[in-house]
């Protein structure tokens, strides 16, 4: 199985950015969190085995989305 690519959506001084984990540059930049999340998810879906960690303004993780959904290593029960 290939390693999962993880993207992080985080707050910056002038908006939001979506960046692959350990990457040097942002893959996506934007003024609003909503637009950056949408574009980062599009990139993650094209990559296949990937996840997007969406952070709050304070840097804490708000939620994590895995693509494709069936590859989530820790699916919730119920």
PDB file of N, CA and C in Angstrom:
ATOM      1  N   UNK A   1       0.841  -1.187   0.000  1.00  0.00           N
ATOM      2  CA  UNK A   1       0.000   0.000   0.000  1.00  0.00           C
ATOM      3  C   UNK A   1       0.882   1.245   0.000  1.00  0.00           C
ATOM      4  N   UNK A   2       0.514   2.242  -0.805  1.00  0.00           N
ATOM      5  CA  UNK A   2       1.295   3.473  -0.864  1.00  0.00           C
ATOM      6  C   UNK A   2       1.001   4.353   0.337  1.00  0.00           C
ATOM      7  N   UNK A   3       1.960   5.190   0.644  1.00  0.00           N
ATOM      8  CA  UNK A   3       1.825   6.082   1.792  1.00  0.00           C
ATOM      9  C   UNK A   3       0.776   7.149   1.504  1.00  0.00           C
ATOM     10  N   UNK A   4      -0.001   7.465   2.525  1.00  0.00           N
ATOM     11  CA  UNK A   4      -1.051   8.479   2.397  1.00  0.00           C
ATOM     12  C   UNK A   4      -0.423   9.879   2.357  1.00  0.00           C
ATOM     13  N   UNK A   5      -0.863  10.699   1.401  1.00  0.00           N
ATOM     14  CA  UNK A   5      -0.435  12.094   1.325  1.00  0.00           C
ATOM     15  C   UNK A   5      -1.362  12.912   2.214  1.00  0.00           C
ATOM     16  N   UNK A   6      -0.804  13.744   3.064  1.00  0.00           N
ATOM     17  CA  UNK A   6      -1.616  14.548   3.976  1.00  0.00           C
ATOM     18  C   UNK A   6      -1.456  16.025   3.655  1.00  0.00           C
ATOM     19  N   UNK A   7      -2.585  16.708   3.512  1.00  0.00           N
ATOM     20  CA  UNK A   7      -2.612  18.150   3.266  1.00  0.00           C
ATOM     21  C   UNK A   7      -3.134  18.840   4.515  1.00  0.00           C
ATOM     22  N   UNK A   8      -2.628  20.045   4.783  1.00  0.00           N
ATOM     23  CA  UNK A   8      -3.080  20.833   5.928  1.00  0.00           C
ATOM     24  C   UNK A   8      -3.617  22.172   5.429  1.00  0.00           C
ATOM     25  N   UNK A   9      -4.793  22.551   5.917  1.00  0.00           N
ATOM     26  CA  UNK A   9      -5.360  23.874   5.644  1.00  0.00           C
ATOM     27  C   UNK A   9      -5.177  24.687   6.914  1.00  0.00           C
ATOM     28  N   UNK A  10      -4.382  25.765   6.816  1.00  0.00           N
ATOM     29  CA  UNK A  10      -4.043  26.564   7.992  1.00  0.00           C
ATOM     30  C   UNK A  10      -4.194  28.059   7.720  1.00  0.00           C
ATOM     31  N   UNK A  11      -4.319  28.806   8.791  1.00  0.00           N
ATOM     32  CA  UNK A  11      -4.446  30.269   8.743  1.00  0.00           C
ATOM     33  C   UNK A  11      -3.080  30.893   8.507  1.00  0.00           C
ATOM     34  N   UNK A  12      -3.052  31.941   7.686  1.00  0.00           N
ATOM     35  CA  UNK A  12      -1.834  32.717   7.476  1.00  0.00           C
ATOM     36  C   UNK A  12      -2.127  34.172   7.840  1.00  0.00           C
ATOM     37  N   UNK A  13      -1.116  35.015   7.763  1.00  0.00           N
ATOM     38  CA  UNK A  13      -1.315  36.442   8.081  1.00  0.00           C
ATOM     39  C   UNK A  13      -2.295  37.128   7.134  1.00  0.00           C
ATOM     40  N   UNK A  14      -2.347  36.665   5.878  1.00  0.00           N
ATOM     41  CA  UNK A  14      -3.209  37.332   4.896  1.00  0.00           C
ATOM     42  C   UNK A  14      -4.310  36.430   4.326  1.00  0.00           C
ATOM     43  N   UNK A  15      -4.645  35.350   5.025  1.00  0.00           N
ATOM     44  CA  UNK A  15      -5.722  34.469   4.576  1.00  0.00           C
ATOM     45  C   UNK A  15      -5.514  33.046   5.036  1.00  0.00           C
ATOM     46  N   UNK A  16      -5.657  32.095   4.109  1.00  0.00           N
ATOM     47  CA  UNK A  16      -5.543  30.667   4.397  1.00  0.00           C
ATOM     48  C   UNK A  16      -4.684  30.003   3.330  1.00  0.00           C
ATOM     49  N   UNK A  17      -4.088  28.845   3.683  1.00  0.00           N
ATOM     50  CA  UNK A  17      -3.312  28.098   2.702  1.00  0.00           C
ATOM     51  C   UNK A  17      -3.545  26.606   2.883  1.00  0.00           C
ATOM     52  N   UNK A  18      -3.434  25.883   1.767  1.00  0.00           N
ATOM     53  CA  UNK A  18      -3.485  24.431   1.771  1.00  0.00           C
ATOM     54  C   UNK A  18      -2.136  23.934   1.293  1.00  0.00           C
ATOM     55  N   UNK A  19      -1.498  23.080   2.093  1.00  0.00           N
ATOM     56  CA  UNK A  19      -0.134  22.646   1.782  1.00  0.00           C
ATOM     57  C   UNK A  19       0.033  21.178   2.111  1.00  0.00           C
ATOM     58  N   UNK A  20       0.770  20.468   1.263  1.00  0.00           N
ATOM     59  CA  UNK A  20       1.061  19.067   1.541  1.00  0.00           C
ATOM     60  C   UNK A  20       2.030  19.013   2.721  1.00  0.00           C
ATOM     61  N   UNK A  21       1.857  18.015   3.571  1.00  0.00           N
ATOM     62  CA  UNK A  21       2.703  17.878   4.754  1.00  0.00           C
ATOM     63  C   UNK A  21       4.178  17.783   4.345  1.00  0.00           C
ATOM     64  N   UNK A  22       5.023  18.530   5.012  1.00  0.00           N
ATOM     65  CA  UNK A  22       6.466  18.616   4.764  1.00  0.00           C
ATOM     66  C   UNK A  22       6.798  19.258   3.423  1.00  0.00           C
ATOM     67  N   UNK A  23       5.824  19.897   2.792  1.00  0.00           N
ATOM     68  CA  UNK A  23       6.071  20.601   1.532  1.00  0.00           C
ATOM     69  C   UNK A  23       6.675  21.972   1.799  1.00  0.00           C
ATOM     70  N   UNK A  24       7.338  22.525   0.801  1.00  0.00           N
ATOM     71  CA  UNK A  24       7.978  23.829   0.945  1.00  0.00           C
ATOM     72  C   UNK A  24       7.038  24.981   0.629  1.00  0.00           C
ATOM     73  N   UNK A  25       6.126  24.750  -0.330  1.00  0.00           N
ATOM     74  CA  UNK A  25       5.235  25.826  -0.755  1.00  0.00           C
ATOM     75  C   UNK A  25       3.775  25.403  -0.639  1.00  0.00           C
ATOM     76  N   UNK A  26       2.925  26.392  -0.503  1.00  0.00           N
ATOM     77  CA  UNK A  26       1.490  26.126  -0.440  1.00  0.00           C
ATOM     78  C   UNK A  26       0.989  25.697  -1.818  1.00  0.00           C
ATOM     79  N   UNK A  27       0.117  24.698  -1.846  1.00  0.00           N
ATOM     80  CA  UNK A  27      -0.520  24.262  -3.086  1.00  0.00           C
ATOM     81  C   UNK A  27      -1.665  25.198  -3.431  1.00  0.00           C
ATOM     82  N   UNK A  28      -2.298  25.748  -2.403  1.00  0.00           N
ATOM     83  CA  UNK A  28      -3.464  26.622  -2.566  1.00  0.00           C
ATOM     84  C   UNK A  28      -3.346  27.781  -1.585  1.00  0.00           C
ATOM     85  N   UNK A  29      -3.683  28.989  -2.051  1.00  0.00           N
ATOM     86  CA  UNK A  29      -3.762  30.161  -1.174  1.00  0.00           C
ATOM     87  C   UNK A  29      -5.074  30.877  -1.468  1.00  0.00           C
ATOM     88  N   UNK A  30      -5.648  31.499  -0.434  1.00  0.00           N
ATOM     89  CA  UNK A  30      -6.882  32.228  -0.638  1.00  0.00           C
ATOM     90  C   UNK A  30      -7.235  33.086   0.559  1.00  0.00           C
ATOM     91  N   UNK A  31      -8.195  33.954   0.363  1.00  0.00           N
ATOM     92  CA  UNK A  31      -8.640  34.862   1.424  1.00  0.00           C
ATOM     93  C   UNK A  31      -9.559  34.173   2.425  1.00  0.00           C
ATOM     94  N   UNK A  32     -10.382  33.215   1.930  1.00  0.00           N
ATOM     95  CA  UNK A  32     -11.338  32.579   2.838  1.00  0.00           C
ATOM     96  C   UNK A  32     -11.000  31.104   3.057  1.00  0.00           C
ATOM     97  N   UNK A  33     -11.320  30.630   4.229  1.00  0.00           N
ATOM     98  CA  UNK A  33     -11.089  29.234   4.586  1.00  0.00           C
ATOM     99  C   UNK A  33     -11.890  28.318   3.661  1.00  0.00           C
ATOM    100  N   UNK A  34     -13.123  28.699   3.382  1.00  0.00           N
ATOM    101  CA  UNK A  34     -14.024  27.886   2.572  1.00  0.00           C
ATOM    102  C   UNK A  34     -13.448  27.617   1.182  1.00  0.00           C
ATOM    103  N   UNK A  35     -12.919  28.641   0.519  1.00  0.00           N
ATOM    104  CA  UNK A  35     -12.385  28.443  -0.827  1.00  0.00           C
ATOM    105  C   UNK A  35     -11.113  27.599  -0.815  1.00  0.00           C
ATOM    106  N   UNK A  36     -10.272  27.769   0.199  1.00  0.00           N
ATOM    107  CA  UNK A  36      -9.030  26.992   0.289  1.00  0.00           C
ATOM    108  C   UNK A  36      -9.331  25.532   0.608  1.00  0.00           C
ATOM    109  N   UNK A  37     -10.281  25.280   1.499  1.00  0.00           N
ATOM    110  CA  UNK A  37     -10.674  23.899   1.821  1.00  0.00           C
ATOM    111  C   UNK A  37     -11.179  23.212   0.554  1.00  0.00           C
ATOM    112  N   UNK A  38     -12.048  23.876  -0.188  1.00  0.00           N
ATOM    113  CA  UNK A  38     -12.628  23.298  -1.413  1.00  0.00           C
ATOM    114  C   UNK A  38     -11.534  22.928  -2.416  1.00  0.00           C
ATOM    115  N   UNK A  39     -10.610  23.832  -2.688  1.00  0.00           N
ATOM    116  CA  UNK A  39      -9.550  23.580  -3.666  1.00  0.00           C
ATOM    117  C   UNK A  39      -8.567  22.522  -3.184  1.00  0.00           C
ATOM    118  N   UNK A  40      -8.264  22.513  -1.888  1.00  0.00           N
ATOM    119  CA  UNK A  40      -7.347  21.515  -1.334  1.00  0.00           C
ATOM    120  C   UNK A  40      -7.971  20.125  -1.406  1.00  0.00           C
ATOM    121  N   UNK A  41      -9.260  20.013  -1.141  1.00  0.00           N
ATOM    122  CA  UNK A  41      -9.963  18.733  -1.245  1.00  0.00           C
ATOM    123  C   UNK A  41      -9.953  18.239  -2.686  1.00  0.00           C
ATOM    124  N   UNK A  42     -10.136  19.127  -3.648  1.00  0.00           N
ATOM    125  CA  UNK A  42     -10.088  18.739  -5.062  1.00  0.00           C
ATOM    126  C   UNK A  42      -8.734  18.123  -5.401  1.00  0.00           C
ATOM    127  N   UNK A  43      -7.655  18.738  -4.923  1.00  0.00           N
ATOM    128  CA  UNK A  43      -6.309  18.221  -5.160  1.00  0.00           C
ATOM    129  C   UNK A  43      -6.145  16.850  -4.499  1.00  0.00           C
ATOM    130  N   UNK A  44      -6.594  16.731  -3.251  1.00  0.00           N
ATOM    131  CA  UNK A  44      -6.461  15.477  -2.508  1.00  0.00           C
ATOM    132  C   UNK A  44      -7.218  14.340  -3.192  1.00  0.00           C
ATOM    133  N   UNK A  45      -8.404  14.623  -3.702  1.00  0.00           N
ATOM    134  CA  UNK A  45      -9.200  13.595  -4.375  1.00  0.00           C
ATOM    135  C   UNK A  45      -8.492  13.098  -5.630  1.00  0.00           C
ATOM    136  N   UNK A  46      -7.845  13.996  -6.359  1.00  0.00           N
ATOM    137  CA  UNK A  46      -7.107  13.608  -7.570  1.00  0.00           C
ATOM    138  C   UNK A  46      -5.894  12.745  -7.231  1.00  0.00           C
ATOM    139  N   UNK A  47      -5.301  12.971  -6.067  1.00  0.00           N
ATOM    140  CA  UNK A  47      -4.124  12.220  -5.642  1.00  0.00           C
ATOM    141  C   UNK A  47      -4.462  10.783  -5.264  1.00  0.00           C
ATOM    142  N   UNK A  48      -5.709  10.549  -4.882  1.00  0.00           N
ATOM    143  CA  UNK A  48      -6.079   9.213  -4.414  1.00  0.00           C
ATOM    144  C   UNK A  48      -5.828   9.093  -2.926  1.00  0.00           C
ATOM    145  N   UNK A  49      -5.087   8.118  -2.501  1.00  0.00           N
ATOM    146  CA  UNK A  49      -4.836   7.818  -1.091  1.00  0.00           C
ATOM    147  C   UNK A  49      -4.298   9.050  -0.358  1.00  0.00           C
ATOM    148  N   UNK A  50      -5.193   9.894   0.167  1.00  0.00           N
ATOM    149  CA  UNK A  50      -4.787  11.151   0.796  1.00  0.00           C
ATOM    150  C   UNK A  50      -5.775  11.579   1.873  1.00  0.00           C
ATOM    151  N   UNK A  51      -5.366  12.580   2.653  1.00  0.00           N
ATOM    152  CA  UNK A  51      -6.250  13.152   3.666  1.00  0.00           C
ATOM    153  C   UNK A  51      -6.017  14.651   3.759  1.00  0.00           C
ATOM    154  N   UNK A  52      -7.041  15.351   4.244  1.00  0.00           N
ATOM    155  CA  UNK A  52      -6.968  16.798   4.436  1.00  0.00           C
ATOM    156  C   UNK A  52      -7.279  17.078   5.897  1.00  0.00           C
ATOM    157  N   UNK A  53      -6.321  17.710   6.581  1.00  0.00           N
ATOM    158  CA  UNK A  53      -6.535  18.129   7.966  1.00  0.00           C
ATOM    159  C   UNK A  53      -6.856  19.614   7.949  1.00  0.00           C
ATOM    160  N   UNK A  54      -8.050  19.948   8.420  1.00  0.00           N
ATOM    161  CA  UNK A  54      -8.527  21.326   8.415  1.00  0.00           C
ATOM    162  C   UNK A  54      -8.339  21.884   9.820  1.00  0.00           C
ATOM    163  N   UNK A  55      -7.565  22.960   9.911  1.00  0.00           N
ATOM    164  CA  UNK A  55      -7.237  23.559  11.204  1.00  0.00           C
ATOM    165  C   UNK A  55      -8.126  24.766  11.483  1.00  0.00           C
ATOM    166  N   UNK A  56      -8.316  25.051  12.768  1.00  0.00           N
ATOM    167  CA  UNK A  56      -9.007  26.264  13.202  1.00  0.00           C
ATOM    168  C   UNK A  56      -8.015  27.422  13.140  1.00  0.00           C
ATOM    169  N   UNK A  57      -8.481  28.635  13.389  1.00  0.00           N
ATOM    170  CA  UNK A  57      -7.603  29.810  13.387  1.00  0.00           C
ATOM    171  C   UNK A  57      -6.487  29.684  14.412  1.00  0.00           C
ATOM    172  N   UNK A  58      -6.756  29.002  15.528  1.00  0.00           N
ATOM    173  CA  UNK A  58      -5.739  28.871  16.578  1.00  0.00           C
ATOM    174  C   UNK A  58      -4.736  27.751  16.296  1.00  0.00           C
ATOM    175  N   UNK A  59      -4.898  27.047  15.159  1.00  0.00           N
ATOM    176  CA  UNK A  59      -3.957  26.005  14.773  1.00  0.00           C
ATOM    177  C   UNK A  59      -4.367  24.591  15.159  1.00  0.00           C
ATOM    178  N   UNK A  60      -5.373  24.457  16.032  1.00  0.00           N
ATOM    179  CA  UNK A  60      -5.835  23.123  16.423  1.00  0.00           C
ATOM    180  C   UNK A  60      -6.606  22.490  15.265  1.00  0.00           C
ATOM    181  N   UNK A  61      -6.532  21.157  15.168  1.00  0.00           N
ATOM    182  CA  UNK A  61      -7.230  20.461  14.088  1.00  0.00           C
ATOM    183  C   UNK A  61      -8.732  20.464  14.358  1.00  0.00           C
ATOM    184  N   UNK A  62      -9.487  20.929  13.380  1.00  0.00           N
ATOM    185  CA  UNK A  62     -10.943  20.981  13.467  1.00  0.00           C
ATOM    186  C   UNK A  62     -11.536  19.660  12.985  1.00  0.00           C
ATOM    187  N   UNK A  63     -11.040  19.175  11.837  1.00  0.00           N
ATOM    188  CA  UNK A  63     -11.512  17.899  11.302  1.00  0.00           C
ATOM    189  C   UNK A  63     -10.508  17.352  10.297  1.00  0.00           C
ATOM    190  N   UNK A  64     -10.653  16.056  10.011  1.00  0.00           N
ATOM    191  CA  UNK A  64      -9.801  15.402   9.015  1.00  0.00           C
ATOM    192  C   UNK A  64     -10.693  14.633   8.060  1.00  0.00           C
ATOM    193  N   UNK A  65     -10.421  14.791   6.771  1.00  0.00           N
ATOM    194  CA  UNK A  65     -11.190  14.087   5.744  1.00  0.00           C
ATOM    195  C   UNK A  65     -10.238  13.190   4.962  1.00  0.00           C
ATOM    196  N   UNK A  66     -10.659  11.953   4.685  1.00  0.00           N
ATOM    197  CA  UNK A  66      -9.829  10.973   3.994  1.00  0.00           C
ATOM    198  C   UNK A  66     -10.436  10.639   2.637  1.00  0.00           C
ATOM    199  N   UNK A  67      -9.577  10.519   1.621  1.00  0.00           N
ATOM    200  CA  UNK A  67     -10.028  10.216   0.252  1.00  0.00           C
ATOM    201  C   UNK A  67      -9.205   9.083  -0.327  1.00  0.00           C
ATOM    202  N   UNK A  68      -9.814   8.132  -1.029  1.00  0.00           N
ATOM    203  CA  UNK A  68     -11.256   7.909  -1.027  1.00  0.00           C
ATOM    204  C   UNK A  68     -11.733   7.465   0.357  1.00  0.00           C
ATOM    205  N   UNK A  69     -12.993   7.702   0.625  1.00  0.00           N
ATOM    206  CA  UNK A  69     -13.522   7.490   1.981  1.00  0.00           C
ATOM    207  C   UNK A  69     -13.310   6.082   2.511  1.00  0.00           C
ATOM    208  N   UNK A  70     -13.315   5.092   1.651  1.00  0.00           N
ATOM    209  CA  UNK A  70     -13.155   3.704   2.065  1.00  0.00           C
ATOM    210  C   UNK A  70     -11.761   3.380   2.588  1.00  0.00           C
ATOM    211  N   UNK A  71     -10.809   4.293   2.456  1.00  0.00           N
ATOM    212  CA  UNK A  71      -9.439   4.034   2.906  1.00  0.00           C
ATOM    213  C   UNK A  71      -9.145   4.603   4.281  1.00  0.00           C
ATOM    214  N   UNK A  72     -10.130   5.144   4.953  1.00  0.00           N
ATOM    215  CA  UNK A  72      -9.933   5.714   6.278  1.00  0.00           C
ATOM    216  C   UNK A  72      -9.473   4.625   7.243  1.00  0.00           C
ATOM    217  N   UNK A  73      -8.289   4.778   7.857  1.00  0.00           N
ATOM    218  CA  UNK A  73      -7.793   3.730   8.749  1.00  0.00           C
ATOM    219  C   UNK A  73      -8.540   3.645  10.086  1.00  0.00           C
ATOM    220  N   UNK A  74      -9.273   4.693  10.449  1.00  0.00           N
ATOM    221  CA  UNK A  74      -9.996   4.716  11.716  1.00  0.00           C
ATOM    222  C   UNK A  74     -11.444   5.172  11.503  1.00  0.00           C
ATOM    223  N   UNK A  75     -12.248   4.411  10.754  1.00  0.00           N
ATOM    224  CA  UNK A  75     -13.627   4.856  10.526  1.00  0.00           C
ATOM    225  C   UNK A  75     -14.421   4.825  11.829  1.00  0.00           C
ATOM    226  N   UNK A  76     -15.303   5.800  12.029  1.00  0.00           N
ATOM    227  CA  UNK A  76     -16.104   5.812  13.250  1.00  0.00           C
ATOM    228  C   UNK A  76     -17.116   4.650  13.247  1.00  0.00           C
ATOM    229  N   UNK A  77     -17.431   4.170  14.431  1.00  0.00           N
ATOM    230  CA  UNK A  77     -18.413   3.099  14.558  1.00  0.00           C
ATOM    231  C   UNK A  77     -19.807   3.699  14.672  1.00  0.00           C
ATOM    232  N   UNK A  78     -20.777   3.017  14.086  1.00  0.00           N
ATOM    233  CA  UNK A  78     -22.159   3.447  14.232  1.00  0.00           C
ATOM    234  C   UNK A  78     -22.711   4.221  13.131  1.00  0.00           C
TER     235      UNK A  78
END
